[in-house]
PDB file of N, CA and C in Angstrom:
ATOM      1  N   UNK A   1     140.775  36.679  93.625  1.00  0.00           N
ATOM      2  CA  UNK A   1     140.890  35.380  94.220  1.00  0.00           C
ATOM      3  C   UNK A   1     142.393  35.197  94.428  1.00  0.00           C
ATOM      4  N   UNK A   2     142.800  34.902  95.560  1.00  0.00           N
ATOM      5  CA  UNK A   2     144.201  34.924  95.945  1.00  0.00           C
ATOM      6  C   UNK A   2     144.735  33.439  95.828  1.00  0.00           C
ATOM      7  N   UNK A   3     143.913  32.469  96.239  1.00  0.00           N
ATOM      8  CA  UNK A   3     144.538  31.138  96.534  1.00  0.00           C
ATOM      9  C   UNK A   3     144.994  30.409  95.249  1.00  0.00           C
ATOM     10  N   UNK A   4     145.817  29.411  95.373  1.00  0.00           N
ATOM     11  CA  UNK A   4     146.256  28.568  94.364  1.00  0.00           C
ATOM     12  C   UNK A   4     146.096  27.091  94.714  1.00  0.00           C
ATOM     13  N   UNK A   5     145.450  26.295  93.941  1.00  0.00           N
ATOM     14  CA  UNK A   5     145.391  24.893  94.219  1.00  0.00           C
ATOM     15  C   UNK A   5     146.641  24.131  93.707  1.00  0.00           C
ATOM     16  N   UNK A   6     147.074  23.285  94.562  1.00  0.00           N
ATOM     17  CA  UNK A   6     148.303  22.430  94.049  1.00  0.00           C
ATOM     18  C   UNK A   6     147.787  21.304  93.275  1.00  0.00           C
ATOM     19  N   UNK A   7     148.613  20.874  92.406  1.00  0.00           N
ATOM     20  CA  UNK A   7     148.355  19.734  91.524  1.00  0.00           C
ATOM     21  C   UNK A   7     148.326  18.445  92.464  1.00  0.00           C
ATOM     22  N   UNK A   8     147.432  17.616  92.049  1.00  0.00           N
ATOM     23  CA  UNK A   8     147.512  16.257  92.794  1.00  0.00           C
ATOM     24  C   UNK A   8     148.751  15.553  92.589  1.00  0.00           C
ATOM     25  N   UNK A   9     149.149  14.702  93.539  1.00  0.00           N
ATOM     26  CA  UNK A   9     150.374  13.943  93.543  1.00  0.00           C
ATOM     27  C   UNK A   9     150.472  13.164  92.191  1.00  0.00           C
ATOM     28  N   UNK A  10     149.459  12.612  91.695  1.00  0.00           N
ATOM     29  CA  UNK A  10     149.415  11.801  90.497  1.00  0.00           C
ATOM     30  C   UNK A  10     149.443  12.641  89.222  1.00  0.00           C
ATOM     31  N   UNK A  11     149.365  13.910  89.384  1.00  0.00           N
ATOM     32  CA  UNK A  11     149.292  14.803  88.161  1.00  0.00           C
ATOM     33  C   UNK A  11     150.710  15.208  87.850  1.00  0.00           C
ATOM     34  N   UNK A  12     151.138  14.837  86.659  1.00  0.00           N
ATOM     35  CA  UNK A  12     152.467  15.193  86.176  1.00  0.00           C
ATOM     36  C   UNK A  12     152.500  16.250  85.112  1.00  0.00           C
ATOM     37  N   UNK A  13     151.353  16.909  84.828  1.00  0.00           N
ATOM     38  CA  UNK A  13     151.341  17.933  83.800  1.00  0.00           C
ATOM     39  C   UNK A  13     152.081  19.157  84.380  1.00  0.00           C
ATOM     40  N   UNK A  14     152.486  19.952  83.452  1.00  0.00           N
ATOM     41  CA  UNK A  14     153.332  21.246  83.653  1.00  0.00           C
ATOM     42  C   UNK A  14     152.341  22.153  84.239  1.00  0.00           C
ATOM     43  N   UNK A  15     152.525  22.823  85.390  1.00  0.00           N
ATOM     44  CA  UNK A  15     151.672  23.728  86.006  1.00  0.00           C
ATOM     45  C   UNK A  15     151.927  25.186  85.644  1.00  0.00           C
ATOM     46  N   UNK A  16     152.858  25.430  84.816  1.00  0.00           N
ATOM     47  CA  UNK A  16     153.252  26.815  84.567  1.00  0.00           C
ATOM     48  C   UNK A  16     152.226  27.573  83.776  1.00  0.00           C
ATOM     49  N   UNK A  17     151.494  26.839  82.837  1.00  0.00           N
ATOM     50  CA  UNK A  17     150.423  27.470  82.118  1.00  0.00           C
ATOM     51  C   UNK A  17     149.149  26.972  82.455  1.00  0.00           C
ATOM     52  N   UNK A  18     148.445  27.459  83.431  1.00  0.00           N
ATOM     53  CA  UNK A  18     147.152  26.894  83.869  1.00  0.00           C
ATOM     54  C   UNK A  18     146.022  27.132  82.926  1.00  0.00           C
ATOM     55  N   UNK A  19     146.272  28.281  82.136  1.00  0.00           N
ATOM     56  CA  UNK A  19     145.055  28.576  81.208  1.00  0.00           C
ATOM     57  C   UNK A  19     145.067  27.604  80.023  1.00  0.00           C
ATOM     58  N   UNK A  20     146.073  26.990  79.619  1.00  0.00           N
ATOM     59  CA  UNK A  20     146.057  26.031  78.537  1.00  0.00           C
ATOM     60  C   UNK A  20     145.571  24.688  78.794  1.00  0.00           C
ATOM     61  N   UNK A  21     145.667  24.345  80.123  1.00  0.00           N
ATOM     62  CA  UNK A  21     145.410  22.945  80.523  1.00  0.00           C
ATOM     63  C   UNK A  21     143.972  22.963  81.358  1.00  0.00           C
ATOM     64  N   UNK A  22     142.994  22.612  80.541  1.00  0.00           N
ATOM     65  CA  UNK A  22     141.643  22.645  81.226  1.00  0.00           C
ATOM     66  C   UNK A  22     141.277  21.102  81.572  1.00  0.00           C
ATOM     67  N   UNK A  23     142.054  20.125  81.237  1.00  0.00           N
ATOM     68  CA  UNK A  23     141.634  18.684  81.408  1.00  0.00           C
ATOM     69  C   UNK A  23     142.066  18.346  82.921  1.00  0.00           C
ATOM     70  N   UNK A  24     143.046  19.057  83.457  1.00  0.00           N
ATOM     71  CA  UNK A  24     143.349  18.836  84.923  1.00  0.00           C
ATOM     72  C   UNK A  24     143.283  20.149  85.542  1.00  0.00           C
ATOM     73  N   UNK A  25     142.530  20.247  86.628  1.00  0.00           N
ATOM     74  CA  UNK A  25     142.423  21.450  87.333  1.00  0.00           C
ATOM     75  C   UNK A  25     143.355  21.549  88.402  1.00  0.00           C
ATOM     76  N   UNK A  26     144.214  22.714  88.313  1.00  0.00           N
ATOM     77  CA  UNK A  26     145.169  23.022  89.302  1.00  0.00           C
ATOM     78  C   UNK A  26     145.444  24.545  89.086  1.00  0.00           C
ATOM     79  N   UNK A  27     146.111  25.182  89.900  1.00  0.00           N
ATOM     80  CA  UNK A  27     146.505  26.527  89.830  1.00  0.00           C
ATOM     81  C   UNK A  27     145.539  27.511  90.538  1.00  0.00           C
ATOM     82  N   UNK A  28     145.579  28.700  90.073  1.00  0.00           N
ATOM     83  CA  UNK A  28     144.650  29.714  90.892  1.00  0.00           C
ATOM     84  C   UNK A  28     143.112  29.496  90.858  1.00  0.00           C
ATOM     85  N   UNK A  29     142.584  30.027  91.846  1.00  0.00           N
ATOM     86  CA  UNK A  29     141.132  29.817  92.079  1.00  0.00           C
ATOM     87  C   UNK A  29     140.434  30.359  90.852  1.00  0.00           C
ATOM     88  N   UNK A  30     140.927  31.475  90.267  1.00  0.00           N
ATOM     89  CA  UNK A  30     140.323  32.118  89.049  1.00  0.00           C
ATOM     90  C   UNK A  30     140.261  31.102  87.892  1.00  0.00           C
ATOM     91  N   UNK A  31     141.302  30.270  87.795  1.00  0.00           N
ATOM     92  CA  UNK A  31     141.267  29.337  86.668  1.00  0.00           C
ATOM     93  C   UNK A  31     140.184  28.262  86.961  1.00  0.00           C
ATOM     94  N   UNK A  32     140.036  27.846  88.179  1.00  0.00           N
ATOM     95  CA  UNK A  32     139.006  26.815  88.493  1.00  0.00           C
ATOM     96  C   UNK A  32     137.703  27.479  88.207  1.00  0.00           C
ATOM     97  N   UNK A  33     137.428  28.776  88.477  1.00  0.00           N
ATOM     98  CA  UNK A  33     136.180  29.437  88.297  1.00  0.00           C
ATOM     99  C   UNK A  33     135.914  29.495  86.724  1.00  0.00           C
ATOM    100  N   UNK A  34     136.980  29.776  86.026  1.00  0.00           N
ATOM    101  CA  UNK A  34     136.792  29.877  84.514  1.00  0.00           C
ATOM    102  C   UNK A  34     136.394  28.591  83.846  1.00  0.00           C
ATOM    103  N   UNK A  35     137.129  27.590  84.303  1.00  0.00           N
ATOM    104  CA  UNK A  35     136.886  26.179  83.723  1.00  0.00           C
ATOM    105  C   UNK A  35     135.615  25.690  84.125  1.00  0.00           C
ATOM    106  N   UNK A  36     135.298  25.657  85.466  1.00  0.00           N
ATOM    107  CA  UNK A  36     134.026  25.095  85.992  1.00  0.00           C
ATOM    108  C   UNK A  36     132.844  25.990  85.534  1.00  0.00           C
ATOM    109  N   UNK A  37     133.107  27.330  85.501  1.00  0.00           N
ATOM    110  CA  UNK A  37     132.016  28.198  85.033  1.00  0.00           C
ATOM    111  C   UNK A  37     131.524  27.962  83.708  1.00  0.00           C
ATOM    112  N   UNK A  38     132.508  27.575  82.760  1.00  0.00           N
ATOM    113  CA  UNK A  38     132.086  27.112  81.446  1.00  0.00           C
ATOM    114  C   UNK A  38     131.372  25.910  81.387  1.00  0.00           C
ATOM    115  N   UNK A  39     131.769  24.971  82.218  1.00  0.00           N
ATOM    116  CA  UNK A  39     130.809  23.765  82.289  1.00  0.00           C
ATOM    117  C   UNK A  39     129.525  23.957  82.849  1.00  0.00           C
ATOM    118  N   UNK A  40     129.387  24.793  83.823  1.00  0.00           N
ATOM    119  CA  UNK A  40     128.020  25.222  84.435  1.00  0.00           C
ATOM    120  C   UNK A  40     127.087  25.977  83.342  1.00  0.00           C
ATOM    121  N   UNK A  41     127.718  26.873  82.637  1.00  0.00           N
ATOM    122  CA  UNK A  41     126.995  27.677  81.643  1.00  0.00           C
ATOM    123  C   UNK A  41     126.657  26.939  80.364  1.00  0.00           C
ATOM    124  N   UNK A  42     127.675  26.446  79.779  1.00  0.00           N
ATOM    125  CA  UNK A  42     127.532  25.763  78.472  1.00  0.00           C
ATOM    126  C   UNK A  42     127.012  24.378  78.515  1.00  0.00           C
ATOM    127  N   UNK A  43     127.273  23.616  79.548  1.00  0.00           N
ATOM    128  CA  UNK A  43     126.865  22.201  79.663  1.00  0.00           C
ATOM    129  C   UNK A  43     125.790  21.827  80.786  1.00  0.00           C
ATOM    130  N   UNK A  44     125.500  22.974  81.481  1.00  0.00           N
ATOM    131  CA  UNK A  44     124.304  22.828  82.457  1.00  0.00           C
ATOM    132  C   UNK A  44     124.705  22.000  83.686  1.00  0.00           C
ATOM    133  N   UNK A  45     126.088  21.885  83.893  1.00  0.00           N
ATOM    134  CA  UNK A  45     126.421  21.104  85.140  1.00  0.00           C
ATOM    135  C   UNK A  45     126.221  21.997  86.419  1.00  0.00           C
ATOM    136  N   UNK A  46     125.569  21.405  87.395  1.00  0.00           N
ATOM    137  CA  UNK A  46     125.211  22.292  88.512  1.00  0.00           C
ATOM    138  C   UNK A  46     125.797  21.775  89.780  1.00  0.00           C
ATOM    139  N   UNK A  47     126.524  20.732  89.784  1.00  0.00           N
ATOM    140  CA  UNK A  47     127.230  20.155  91.027  1.00  0.00           C
ATOM    141  C   UNK A  47     128.618  19.916  90.738  1.00  0.00           C
ATOM    142  N   UNK A  48     129.487  20.349  91.617  1.00  0.00           N
ATOM    143  CA  UNK A  48     130.962  20.173  91.477  1.00  0.00           C
ATOM    144  C   UNK A  48     131.411  19.680  92.913  1.00  0.00           C
ATOM    145  N   UNK A  49     132.068  18.687  92.981  1.00  0.00           N
ATOM    146  CA  UNK A  49     132.605  18.089  94.266  1.00  0.00           C
ATOM    147  C   UNK A  49     134.147  18.140  94.144  1.00  0.00           C
ATOM    148  N   UNK A  50     134.703  18.710  95.321  1.00  0.00           N
ATOM    149  CA  UNK A  50     136.141  18.781  95.369  1.00  0.00           C
ATOM    150  C   UNK A  50     136.625  17.914  96.525  1.00  0.00           C
ATOM    151  N   UNK A  51     137.348  16.808  96.207  1.00  0.00           N
ATOM    152  CA  UNK A  51     137.896  15.872  97.231  1.00  0.00           C
ATOM    153  C   UNK A  51     139.234  16.407  97.645  1.00  0.00           C
ATOM    154  N   UNK A  52     139.578  16.285  98.978  1.00  0.00           N
ATOM    155  CA  UNK A  52     140.945  16.635  99.466  1.00  0.00           C
ATOM    156  C   UNK A  52     141.047  16.325 100.793  1.00  0.00           C
ATOM    157  N   UNK A  53     142.243  15.989 101.174  1.00  0.00           N
ATOM    158  CA  UNK A  53     142.452  15.754 102.597  1.00  0.00           C
ATOM    159  C   UNK A  53     143.101  17.005 103.222  1.00  0.00           C
ATOM    160  N   UNK A  54     143.316  17.977 102.505  1.00  0.00           N
ATOM    161  CA  UNK A  54     143.941  19.304 102.961  1.00  0.00           C
ATOM    162  C   UNK A  54     142.738  20.325 103.356  1.00  0.00           C
ATOM    163  N   UNK A  55     142.548  20.601 104.524  1.00  0.00           N
ATOM    164  CA  UNK A  55     141.520  21.591 104.891  1.00  0.00           C
ATOM    165  C   UNK A  55     141.584  22.930 104.272  1.00  0.00           C
ATOM    166  N   UNK A  56     142.769  23.366 104.017  1.00  0.00           N
ATOM    167  CA  UNK A  56     142.942  24.682 103.380  1.00  0.00           C
ATOM    168  C   UNK A  56     142.392  24.599 102.009  1.00  0.00           C
ATOM    169  N   UNK A  57     142.615  23.511 101.270  1.00  0.00           N
ATOM    170  CA  UNK A  57     142.072  23.380  99.915  1.00  0.00           C
ATOM    171  C   UNK A  57     140.632  23.410  99.922  1.00  0.00           C
ATOM    172  N   UNK A  58     140.070  22.779 100.761  1.00  0.00           N
ATOM    173  CA  UNK A  58     138.462  22.676 100.851  1.00  0.00           C
ATOM    174  C   UNK A  58     137.957  23.988 101.216  1.00  0.00           C
ATOM    175  N   UNK A  59     138.623  24.695 102.199  1.00  0.00           N
ATOM    176  CA  UNK A  59     138.265  25.906 102.556  1.00  0.00           C
ATOM    177  C   UNK A  59     138.250  27.043 101.468  1.00  0.00           C
ATOM    178  N   UNK A  60     139.420  26.907 100.655  1.00  0.00           N
ATOM    179  CA  UNK A  60     139.546  27.721  99.571  1.00  0.00           C
ATOM    180  C   UNK A  60     138.419  27.560  98.479  1.00  0.00           C
ATOM    181  N   UNK A  61     138.168  26.262  98.160  1.00  0.00           N
ATOM    182  CA  UNK A  61     137.158  25.888  97.211  1.00  0.00           C
ATOM    183  C   UNK A  61     135.844  26.472  97.757  1.00  0.00           C
ATOM    184  N   UNK A  62     135.524  26.227  98.900  1.00  0.00           N
ATOM    185  CA  UNK A  62     134.257  26.750  99.524  1.00  0.00           C
ATOM    186  C   UNK A  62     134.151  28.300  99.586  1.00  0.00           C
ATOM    187  N   UNK A  63     135.208  29.005  99.813  1.00  0.00           N
ATOM    188  CA  UNK A  63     135.247  30.335 100.002  1.00  0.00           C
ATOM    189  C   UNK A  63     135.436  31.187  98.730  1.00  0.00           C
ATOM    190  N   UNK A  64     136.150  30.680  97.835  1.00  0.00           N
ATOM    191  CA  UNK A  64     136.521  31.436  96.551  1.00  0.00           C
ATOM    192  C   UNK A  64     135.813  30.969  95.339  1.00  0.00           C
ATOM    193  N   UNK A  65     135.822  29.601  95.164  1.00  0.00           N
ATOM    194  CA  UNK A  65     135.419  29.065  93.975  1.00  0.00           C
ATOM    195  C   UNK A  65     133.863  28.837  93.836  1.00  0.00           C
ATOM    196  N   UNK A  66     133.295  28.325  94.820  1.00  0.00           N
ATOM    197  CA  UNK A  66     131.809  28.094  94.782  1.00  0.00           C
ATOM    198  C   UNK A  66     131.100  29.416  94.726  1.00  0.00           C
ATOM    199  N   UNK A  67     131.330  30.446  95.578  1.00  0.00           N
ATOM    200  CA  UNK A  67     130.516  31.698  95.534  1.00  0.00           C
ATOM    201  C   UNK A  67     130.691  32.317  94.098  1.00  0.00           C
ATOM    202  N   UNK A  68     131.772  32.233  93.510  1.00  0.00           N
ATOM    203  CA  UNK A  68     132.036  32.787  92.175  1.00  0.00           C
ATOM    204  C   UNK A  68     131.230  32.035  91.107  1.00  0.00           C
ATOM    205  N   UNK A  69     131.226  30.659  91.269  1.00  0.00           N
ATOM    206  CA  UNK A  69     130.408  29.883  90.329  1.00  0.00           C
ATOM    207  C   UNK A  69     128.923  30.054  90.499  1.00  0.00           C
ATOM    208  N   UNK A  70     128.432  30.293  91.651  1.00  0.00           N
ATOM    209  CA  UNK A  70     126.999  30.738  91.905  1.00  0.00           C
ATOM    210  C   UNK A  70     126.649  31.941  91.270  1.00  0.00           C
ATOM    211  N   UNK A  71     127.589  32.982  91.284  1.00  0.00           N
ATOM    212  CA  UNK A  71     127.386  34.258  90.733  1.00  0.00           C
ATOM    213  C   UNK A  71     127.284  34.047  89.162  1.00  0.00           C
ATOM    214  N   UNK A  72     128.273  33.352  88.617  1.00  0.00           N
ATOM    215  CA  UNK A  72     128.259  33.104  87.172  1.00  0.00           C
ATOM    216  C   UNK A  72     126.861  32.407  86.755  1.00  0.00           C
ATOM    217  N   UNK A  73     126.532  31.338  87.393  1.00  0.00           N
ATOM    218  CA  UNK A  73     125.359  30.591  87.111  1.00  0.00           C
ATOM    219  C   UNK A  73     124.064  31.260  87.488  1.00  0.00           C
ATOM    220  N   UNK A  74     124.119  32.467  88.232  1.00  0.00           N
ATOM    221  CA  UNK A  74     122.857  33.129  88.700  1.00  0.00           C
ATOM    222  C   UNK A  74     122.078  32.397  89.780  1.00  0.00           C
ATOM    223  N   UNK A  75     122.796  31.574  90.524  1.00  0.00           N
ATOM    224  CA  UNK A  75     122.114  30.863  91.640  1.00  0.00           C
ATOM    225  C   UNK A  75     122.200  31.334  92.890  1.00  0.00           C
ATOM    226  N   UNK A  76     122.177  32.568  93.120  1.00  0.00           N
ATOM    227  CA  UNK A  76     122.371  33.070  94.486  1.00  0.00           C
ATOM    228  C   UNK A  76     121.060  32.885  95.245  1.00  0.00           C
TER     229      UNK A  76
END
């Protein structure tokens, strides 16, 4: 996964270590997949919504994150 999501404008957390911060999602697509995948598997969450005005962000979420989450959850 190649893309990296930018932090929201209101997010003032340090983005250097994306693996340590799971309360705010930003950083590489792989980090999103890791965090959201845990929620899907451990907590049974089956719907994730990504709001953004940036078409590239939505495309990245649709092309990189969602397929990986479906694979993790076995929902192909």
